[in-house]
Amino acid sequence: MIGLEHLNKAVKIEPDFQLGLYRLADFNNYGIGMEINLEQSMIYWERLIDTKGYYRLLALDAAAKIYFYEFNEINKAKKYLTVCAKEGGAKCLFELNHWKNKLKFRPYILEAKNRERSADSN
C-alpha cells in the first residue's frame, strides 16, 4: 500500500511519468493492491496514449481490449488497434488482420469471463 501511495504521489507531481501511469493502469486493470477499477485504468491508459512515449503501443492495445470486451465499444476498440498498428504495433496489426474472427469469438470470451467472475465471487 505504501508503494501505491508513493506511485500516486509521483504521478501527481509528474503527470507524464510514464512508468507510473503504466503501473497504475495495470494495477487498476488487474486489481493488484486494490479492487479492479476499469474506469480508472482507462484514465491512466488514455493519459499514456496522450504522452506518445515508450508505453503508447501497450496503452493502445490495453485500451482496445477494455473497450472491446468490457465497455462494448467495438468501433473505439478497432480505432485504437488501427492507430497502434499504423504506429508499428505488430500485435495490434495481427488482431486487425483477424478482426472477423475476433468478432466471431467475442461472445464466447465474454461468457468465459462471466463464468470466471462468478466463480471468483463465490
C-alpha atoms as a PDB file:
ATOM      1  CA  MET A   1       0.000   0.000   0.000  1.00  0.00           C
ATOM      2  CA  ILE A   2       2.837   2.403   0.760  1.00  0.00           C
ATOM      3  CA  GLY A   3       4.235   1.756  -2.695  1.00  0.00           C
ATOM      4  CA  LEU A   4       0.894   2.626  -4.286  1.00  0.00           C
ATOM      5  CA  GLU A   5       0.709   5.851  -2.283  1.00  0.00           C
ATOM      6  CA  HIS A   6       4.174   6.848  -3.483  1.00  0.00           C
ATOM      7  CA  LEU A   7       3.302   5.922  -7.055  1.00  0.00           C
ATOM      8  CA  ASN A   8       0.152   8.067  -6.923  1.00  0.00           C
ATOM      9  CA  LYS A   9       2.158  10.967  -5.462  1.00  0.00           C
ATOM     10  CA  ALA A  10       4.807  10.605  -8.161  1.00  0.00           C
ATOM     11  CA  VAL A  11       2.170  10.761 -10.904  1.00  0.00           C
ATOM     12  CA  LYS A  12       0.579  13.812  -9.265  1.00  0.00           C
ATOM     13  CA  ILE A  13       3.945  15.564  -9.134  1.00  0.00           C
ATOM     14  CA  GLU A  14       4.937  14.500 -12.655  1.00  0.00           C
ATOM     15  CA  PRO A  15       1.709  13.890 -14.663  1.00  0.00           C
ATOM     16  CA  ASP A  16       3.617  12.440 -17.642  1.00  0.00           C
ATOM     17  CA  PHE A  17       5.614   9.929 -15.565  1.00  0.00           C
ATOM     18  CA  GLN A  18       5.118   7.056 -17.994  1.00  0.00           C
ATOM     19  CA  LEU A  19       6.213   4.150 -15.826  1.00  0.00           C
ATOM     20  CA  GLY A  20       3.977   5.376 -13.009  1.00  0.00           C
ATOM     21  CA  LEU A  21       0.989   5.759 -15.340  1.00  0.00           C
ATOM     22  CA  TYR A  22       1.642   2.302 -16.773  1.00  0.00           C
ATOM     23  CA  ARG A  23       1.832   0.680 -13.335  1.00  0.00           C
ATOM     24  CA  LEU A  24      -1.321   2.428 -12.074  1.00  0.00           C
ATOM     25  CA  ALA A  25      -3.219   1.487 -15.234  1.00  0.00           C
ATOM     26  CA  ASP A  26      -2.093  -2.118 -14.905  1.00  0.00           C
ATOM     27  CA  PHE A  27      -2.795  -2.317 -11.159  1.00  0.00           C
ATOM     28  CA  ASN A  28      -6.325  -0.944 -11.651  1.00  0.00           C
ATOM     29  CA  ASN A  29      -6.867  -3.210 -14.638  1.00  0.00           C
ATOM     30  CA  TYR A  30      -5.973  -6.407 -12.765  1.00  0.00           C
ATOM     31  CA  GLY A  31      -6.774  -5.435  -9.180  1.00  0.00           C
ATOM     32  CA  ILE A  32      -3.195  -5.518  -7.904  1.00  0.00           C
ATOM     33  CA  GLY A  33      -3.211  -3.997  -4.423  1.00  0.00           C
ATOM     34  CA  MET A  34      -6.724  -2.645  -4.992  1.00  0.00           C
ATOM     35  CA  GLU A  35     -10.104  -3.589  -6.376  1.00  0.00           C
ATOM     36  CA  ILE A  36     -10.357  -3.859 -10.160  1.00  0.00           C
ATOM     37  CA  ASN A  37     -11.380  -0.455 -11.490  1.00  0.00           C
ATOM     38  CA  LEU A  38     -11.534  -0.413 -15.282  1.00  0.00           C
ATOM     39  CA  GLU A  39     -12.753   3.177 -15.447  1.00  0.00           C
ATOM     40  CA  GLN A  40      -9.711   4.379 -13.502  1.00  0.00           C
ATOM     41  CA  SER A  41      -7.487   2.063 -15.515  1.00  0.00           C
ATOM     42  CA  MET A  42      -8.773   3.673 -18.715  1.00  0.00           C
ATOM     43  CA  ILE A  43      -7.939   7.133 -17.378  1.00  0.00           C
ATOM     44  CA  TYR A  44      -4.323   6.044 -16.961  1.00  0.00           C
ATOM     45  CA  TRP A  45      -4.217   4.210 -20.323  1.00  0.00           C
ATOM     46  CA  GLU A  46      -5.609   7.313 -22.058  1.00  0.00           C
ATOM     47  CA  ARG A  47      -3.020   9.520 -20.354  1.00  0.00           C
ATOM     48  CA  LEU A  48      -0.270   7.162 -21.519  1.00  0.00           C
ATOM     49  CA  ILE A  49      -1.632   7.297 -25.054  1.00  0.00           C
ATOM     50  CA  ASP A  50      -1.546  11.090 -24.908  1.00  0.00           C
ATOM     51  CA  THR A  51       2.090  11.174 -23.737  1.00  0.00           C
ATOM     52  CA  LYS A  52       3.123   9.490 -27.023  1.00  0.00           C
ATOM     53  CA  GLY A  53       6.007   7.849 -25.237  1.00  0.00           C
ATOM     54  CA  TYR A  54       7.506   4.426 -24.730  1.00  0.00           C
ATOM     55  CA  TYR A  55       4.302   2.790 -23.425  1.00  0.00           C
ATOM     56  CA  ARG A  56       1.957   4.195 -26.090  1.00  0.00           C
ATOM     57  CA  LEU A  57       1.551   0.981 -28.091  1.00  0.00           C
ATOM     58  CA  LEU A  58       0.942  -1.057 -24.933  1.00  0.00           C
ATOM     59  CA  ALA A  59      -1.618   1.510 -23.812  1.00  0.00           C
ATOM     60  CA  LEU A  60      -3.407   1.485 -27.171  1.00  0.00           C
ATOM     61  CA  ASP A  61      -3.589  -2.315 -27.098  1.00  0.00           C
ATOM     62  CA  ALA A  62      -4.786  -2.440 -23.483  1.00  0.00           C
ATOM     63  CA  ALA A  63      -7.391   0.282 -24.065  1.00  0.00           C
ATOM     64  CA  ALA A  64      -8.643  -1.533 -27.171  1.00  0.00           C
ATOM     65  CA  LYS A  65      -9.135  -4.728 -25.139  1.00  0.00           C
ATOM     66  CA  ILE A  66     -11.088  -2.929 -22.437  1.00  0.00           C
ATOM     67  CA  TYR A  67     -13.263  -1.128 -24.962  1.00  0.00           C
ATOM     68  CA  PHE A  68     -13.855  -4.366 -26.882  1.00  0.00           C
ATOM     69  CA  TYR A  69     -14.535  -6.790 -24.048  1.00  0.00           C
ATOM     70  CA  GLU A  70     -15.616  -4.680 -21.084  1.00  0.00           C
ATOM     71  CA  PHE A  71     -17.216  -1.463 -22.351  1.00  0.00           C
ATOM     72  CA  ASN A  72     -18.770  -2.915 -25.536  1.00  0.00           C
ATOM     73  CA  GLU A  73     -17.373  -0.078 -27.649  1.00  0.00           C
ATOM     74  CA  ILE A  74     -16.362  -2.130 -30.671  1.00  0.00           C
ATOM     75  CA  ASN A  75     -15.686   0.794 -33.023  1.00  0.00           C
ATOM     76  CA  LYS A  76     -13.487   2.573 -30.498  1.00  0.00           C
ATOM     77  CA  ALA A  77     -11.545  -0.653 -29.919  1.00  0.00           C
ATOM     78  CA  LYS A  78     -10.959  -1.025 -33.654  1.00  0.00           C
ATOM     79  CA  LYS A  79      -9.888   2.629 -33.906  1.00  0.00           C
ATOM     80  CA  TYR A  80      -7.293   2.127 -31.162  1.00  0.00           C
ATOM     81  CA  LEU A  81      -5.990  -1.075 -32.765  1.00  0.00           C
ATOM     82  CA  THR A  82      -5.740   0.724 -36.116  1.00  0.00           C
ATOM     83  CA  VAL A  83      -3.704   3.583 -34.615  1.00  0.00           C
ATOM     84  CA  CYS A  84      -1.497   1.067 -32.811  1.00  0.00           C
ATOM     85  CA  ALA A  85      -0.927  -0.968 -35.979  1.00  0.00           C
ATOM     86  CA  LYS A  86      -0.100   2.143 -38.033  1.00  0.00           C
ATOM     87  CA  GLU A  87       2.494   3.108 -35.414  1.00  0.00           C
ATOM     88  CA  GLY A  88       4.215  -0.269 -35.679  1.00  0.00           C
ATOM     89  CA  GLY A  89       2.350  -2.431 -33.174  1.00  0.00           C
ATOM     90  CA  ALA A  90       2.709  -5.935 -34.608  1.00  0.00           C
ATOM     91  CA  LYS A  91       0.272  -7.435 -32.104  1.00  0.00           C
ATOM     92  CA  CYS A  92      -2.346  -4.827 -32.984  1.00  0.00           C
ATOM     93  CA  LEU A  93      -1.793  -5.465 -36.697  1.00  0.00           C
ATOM     94  CA  PHE A  94      -2.282  -9.189 -36.098  1.00  0.00           C
ATOM     95  CA  GLU A  95      -5.549  -8.548 -34.257  1.00  0.00           C
ATOM     96  CA  LEU A  96      -6.793  -6.240 -37.007  1.00  0.00           C
ATOM     97  CA  ASN A  97      -5.958  -8.811 -39.663  1.00  0.00           C
ATOM     98  CA  HIS A  98      -8.123 -11.277 -37.742  1.00  0.00           C
ATOM     99  CA  TRP A  99     -10.905  -8.815 -36.864  1.00  0.00           C
ATOM    100  CA  LYS A 100     -13.705 -11.039 -38.205  1.00  0.00           C
ATOM    101  CA  ASN A 101     -12.558 -13.913 -36.005  1.00  0.00           C
ATOM    102  CA  LYS A 102     -12.215 -11.564 -33.046  1.00  0.00           C
ATOM    103  CA  LEU A 103     -15.844 -10.520 -33.504  1.00  0.00           C
ATOM    104  CA  LYS A 104     -16.937 -14.112 -34.045  1.00  0.00           C
ATOM    105  CA  PHE A 105     -15.332 -15.398 -30.843  1.00  0.00           C
ATOM    106  CA  ARG A 106     -16.172 -12.366 -28.681  1.00  0.00           C
ATOM    107  CA  PRO A 107     -19.412 -13.849 -27.246  1.00  0.00           C
ATOM    108  CA  TYR A 108     -17.573 -16.995 -26.128  1.00  0.00           C
ATOM    109  CA  ILE A 109     -14.805 -14.996 -24.484  1.00  0.00           C
ATOM    110  CA  LEU A 110     -17.355 -12.807 -22.714  1.00  0.00           C
ATOM    111  CA  GLU A 111     -19.162 -15.928 -21.498  1.00  0.00           C
ATOM    112  CA  ALA A 112     -15.904 -17.344 -20.133  1.00  0.00           C
ATOM    113  CA  LYS A 113     -15.110 -14.039 -18.413  1.00  0.00           C
ATOM    114  CA  ASN A 114     -18.553 -14.037 -16.791  1.00  0.00           C
ATOM    115  CA  ARG A 115     -18.078 -17.616 -15.561  1.00  0.00           C
ATOM    116  CA  GLU A 116     -14.701 -16.673 -14.110  1.00  0.00           C
ATOM    117  CA  ARG A 117     -16.196 -13.657 -12.333  1.00  0.00           C
ATOM    118  CA  SER A 118     -18.997 -15.820 -10.941  1.00  0.00           C
ATOM    119  CA  ALA A 119     -16.502 -18.367  -9.641  1.00  0.00           C
ATOM    120  CA  ASP A 120     -14.397 -15.605  -8.051  1.00  0.00           C
ATOM    121  CA  SER A 121     -17.399 -14.128  -6.258  1.00  0.00           C
ATOM    122  CA  ASN A 122     -18.386 -17.482  -4.719  1.00  0.00           C
END
